[in-house]
Amino acid sequence: MTFKSGADFDVAERDEWSYSPTVGVGPLRFGMTVEGVVEAAEVLGQTKVSACARGYAIFSPTWKIEVHRRGAAPSLPAVTAYVSQAVGLFCIAADAVHGPQVAYDGIPLVGRDLSELESDAIAYAEAMDVHFRYTPEGYAGPDDSGVVMRGQLVGQVLRSRPLFMVTRDGANTEWDSMPSEECRVNGQPTA
């Protein structure tokens, strides 16, 4: 089965990173400390670390690490990692334009037109006799609790911005674990 690559629009030269559920994405491993993420992210570029607003007292303090491509003109981070004091790295977001390409069983997930990704997810589910799922916002993606599909507005098109996650401290599911900075509807922040 062949899937479209999402190459119908200009994107930065993409690295290809692998995804392993509950383990990590590319050089980033769930549970890493802030220092570990910064060191591992050096393969991609420069990092900027900042504290996240603490929206819920149940969560331990959290840091956001933005990774910008080396040598690229100022732009959005290619990858944004979220590290909790209690559990370490729990969320990795790949930017739709600048992020590395990550596939799920051969389906490219980053920077895709969301309707094209939905068609591929349906075809994959039918061919493999497995399920796929929709997010509450209506974005289709793999039926894997470690992948939450988000939308990012690129020009006039909504592109895929996957979040690769494990459940963080005090949360029951990946939906509960989602950093407030990643809560978007149609590519726009909700907060």
Protein backbone atom coordinates (compact mmCIF):
# COMPACT_ATOMS: atom_id res chain seq x y z
CA MET A 1 0.00 0.00 0.00
CA THR A 2 1.45 3.38 -1.00
CA PHE A 3 0.60 6.61 0.77
CA LYS A 4 0.93 10.15 -0.47
CA SER A 5 3.80 12.05 1.05
CA GLY A 6 2.19 15.43 1.50
CA ALA A 7 4.75 16.84 -0.93
CA ASP A 8 2.14 18.97 -2.65
CA PHE A 9 3.46 22.08 -0.87
CA ASP A 10 6.91 23.43 -0.10
CA VAL A 11 8.41 22.18 3.15
CA ALA A 12 11.83 22.47 4.70
CA GLU A 13 14.21 19.59 4.02
CA ARG A 14 12.84 17.00 6.42
CA ASP A 15 14.77 14.53 8.50
CA GLU A 16 13.00 11.20 8.92
CA TRP A 17 12.44 10.19 12.52
CA SER A 18 11.05 6.88 13.73
CA TYR A 19 8.22 6.59 16.25
CA SER A 20 8.07 3.84 18.84
CA PRO A 21 4.96 3.87 21.09
CA THR A 22 5.77 4.56 24.77
CA VAL A 23 9.49 4.84 23.86
CA GLY A 24 9.90 8.05 21.86
CA VAL A 25 10.41 9.80 18.52
CA GLY A 26 13.74 10.14 16.72
CA PRO A 27 16.46 10.90 19.28
CA LEU A 28 13.93 11.93 21.96
CA ARG A 29 12.88 9.36 24.56
CA PHE A 30 9.91 9.69 26.89
CA GLY A 31 11.02 10.31 30.46
CA MET A 32 14.12 12.36 29.51
CA THR A 33 15.05 15.37 31.62
CA VAL A 34 15.21 18.91 30.20
CA GLU A 35 18.99 18.55 29.91
CA GLY A 36 18.62 15.20 28.13
CA VAL A 37 16.16 16.66 25.60
CA VAL A 38 18.43 19.65 24.91
CA GLU A 39 21.42 17.35 24.36
CA ALA A 40 19.49 14.91 22.12
CA ALA A 41 17.92 17.75 20.11
CA GLU A 42 21.33 19.09 19.09
CA VAL A 43 21.13 16.86 15.97
CA LEU A 44 18.37 19.12 14.67
CA GLY A 45 19.35 22.58 15.84
CA GLN A 46 19.27 25.16 18.58
CA THR A 47 16.99 24.91 21.60
CA LYS A 48 15.11 27.42 23.73
CA VAL A 49 13.79 26.35 27.15
CA SER A 50 10.92 28.11 28.92
CA ALA A 51 8.52 27.35 31.75
CA CYS A 52 4.94 26.51 30.85
CA ALA A 53 2.03 28.18 32.59
CA ARG A 54 0.70 25.86 35.27
CA GLY A 55 -2.96 25.56 34.30
CA TYR A 56 -3.83 22.79 36.76
CA ALA A 57 -2.40 22.28 40.24
CA ILE A 58 -2.49 18.50 39.74
CA PHE A 59 0.42 18.70 37.26
CA SER A 60 3.99 19.18 38.37
CA PRO A 61 5.96 22.11 36.88
CA THR A 62 6.48 21.72 33.12
CA TRP A 63 9.03 23.10 30.66
CA LYS A 64 8.69 23.68 26.93
CA ILE A 65 11.76 23.08 24.76
CA GLU A 66 11.55 24.60 21.30
CA VAL A 67 13.99 23.16 18.77
CA HIS A 68 14.79 25.39 15.78
CA ARG A 69 16.56 24.06 12.71
CA ARG A 70 20.22 24.99 12.52
CA GLY A 71 20.92 27.62 9.87
CA ALA A 72 17.24 28.19 9.07
CA ALA A 73 15.82 31.69 8.91
CA PRO A 74 13.86 32.60 12.05
CA SER A 75 10.75 30.44 12.00
CA LEU A 76 8.48 28.34 14.12
CA PRO A 77 10.21 25.54 16.04
CA ALA A 78 10.65 22.30 14.09
CA VAL A 79 9.91 20.32 17.24
CA THR A 80 8.45 21.33 20.58
CA ALA A 81 9.04 19.00 23.53
CA TYR A 82 7.26 19.17 26.89
CA VAL A 83 8.99 17.93 30.04
CA SER A 84 7.22 17.46 33.37
CA GLN A 85 9.20 17.61 36.61
CA ALA A 86 7.50 14.39 37.75
CA VAL A 87 7.66 12.17 34.61
CA GLY A 88 10.16 13.84 32.30
CA LEU A 89 9.52 14.15 28.57
CA PHE A 90 5.86 13.35 27.91
CA CYS A 91 4.94 15.16 24.67
CA ILE A 92 6.73 15.80 21.36
CA ALA A 93 5.04 17.99 18.73
CA ALA A 94 6.31 18.03 15.13
CA ASP A 95 5.70 21.29 13.24
CA ALA A 96 3.75 20.85 9.98
CA VAL A 97 6.27 22.83 7.91
CA HIS A 98 9.64 22.59 9.67
CA GLY A 99 9.35 19.36 11.65
CA PRO A 100 10.90 16.02 10.83
CA GLN A 101 8.76 13.50 8.95
CA VAL A 102 7.46 10.78 11.21
CA ALA A 103 5.48 7.84 9.84
CA TYR A 104 3.08 5.45 11.49
CA ASP A 105 3.37 2.02 9.87
CA GLY A 106 4.29 3.67 6.56
CA ILE A 107 1.78 6.55 6.74
CA PRO A 108 3.53 9.95 6.82
CA LEU A 109 1.97 12.00 9.64
CA VAL A 110 3.67 15.42 9.54
CA GLY A 111 2.58 18.33 7.32
CA ARG A 112 -0.18 16.46 5.53
CA ASP A 113 -3.37 18.01 4.21
CA LEU A 114 -5.74 16.68 6.88
CA SER A 115 -8.30 15.42 4.35
CA GLU A 116 -5.55 13.50 2.52
CA LEU A 117 -4.35 12.01 5.81
CA GLU A 118 -7.93 11.00 6.62
CA SER A 119 -8.23 9.18 3.28
CA ASP A 120 -4.96 7.34 3.93
CA ALA A 121 -6.02 6.44 7.49
CA ILE A 122 -9.30 4.99 6.22
CA ALA A 123 -7.56 3.03 3.44
CA TYR A 124 -4.99 1.69 5.90
CA ALA A 125 -7.65 0.64 8.41
CA GLU A 126 -9.64 -1.17 5.72
CA ALA A 127 -6.57 -2.90 4.25
CA MET A 128 -5.16 -3.97 7.63
CA ASP A 129 -8.53 -4.65 9.31
CA VAL A 130 -7.68 -2.25 12.13
CA HIS A 131 -9.24 0.93 13.49
CA PHE A 132 -8.41 4.60 13.13
CA ARG A 133 -9.79 7.41 15.23
CA TYR A 134 -10.93 11.00 15.08
CA THR A 135 -9.95 13.68 17.56
CA PRO A 136 -12.73 15.77 19.12
CA GLU A 137 -11.87 18.44 16.50
CA GLY A 138 -12.48 15.92 13.69
CA TYR A 139 -8.88 15.13 12.66
CA ALA A 140 -8.28 11.51 11.61
CA GLY A 141 -5.19 9.56 12.61
CA PRO A 142 -3.89 6.22 13.83
CA ASP A 143 -5.75 4.42 16.60
CA ASP A 144 -2.76 4.68 18.92
CA SER A 145 -3.07 6.30 22.34
CA GLY A 146 0.42 7.74 21.85
CA VAL A 147 -0.50 9.83 18.77
CA VAL A 148 -2.82 12.83 18.97
CA MET A 149 -3.42 14.51 15.60
CA ARG A 150 -3.68 18.29 15.65
CA GLY A 151 -4.20 20.86 12.91
CA GLN A 152 -1.84 23.71 12.00
CA LEU A 153 -2.90 26.40 9.55
CA VAL A 154 -0.31 26.73 6.76
CA GLY A 155 -1.43 29.39 4.31
CA GLN A 156 -5.05 28.51 3.57
CA VAL A 157 -4.68 24.78 4.29
CA LEU A 158 -4.95 22.93 7.58
CA ARG A 159 -1.93 20.61 7.87
CA SER A 160 -1.20 17.80 10.31
CA ARG A 161 0.82 18.53 13.45
CA PRO A 162 1.03 15.26 15.38
CA LEU A 163 1.71 15.09 19.08
CA PHE A 164 3.51 11.97 20.28
CA MET A 165 2.69 11.40 23.93
CA VAL A 166 2.66 9.33 27.07
CA THR A 167 0.34 10.05 29.98
CA ARG A 168 1.77 12.65 32.33
CA ASP A 169 1.60 12.86 36.10
CA GLY A 170 -1.93 13.22 37.44
CA ALA A 171 -3.63 12.52 34.09
CA ASN A 172 -5.75 9.57 33.03
CA THR A 173 -5.32 9.77 29.24
CA GLU A 174 -3.27 11.52 26.57
CA TRP A 175 -6.17 13.99 26.14
CA ASP A 176 -5.81 14.96 29.81
CA SER A 177 -2.03 15.16 29.35
CA MET A 178 -2.04 17.57 26.41
CA PRO A 179 -0.10 20.76 27.17
CA SER A 180 -2.38 23.82 27.12
CA GLU A 181 -0.03 25.39 24.54
CA GLU A 182 -1.04 22.61 22.11
CA CYS A 183 -4.81 23.02 22.52
CA ARG A 184 -5.83 24.37 19.12
CA VAL A 185 -8.95 24.35 16.99
CA ASN A 186 -8.41 24.66 13.25
CA GLY A 187 -4.79 25.56 13.85
CA GLN A 188 -5.57 28.48 16.18
CA PRO A 189 -4.82 28.49 19.94
CA THR A 190 -7.89 28.11 22.15
CA ALA A 191 -6.38 29.86 25.16
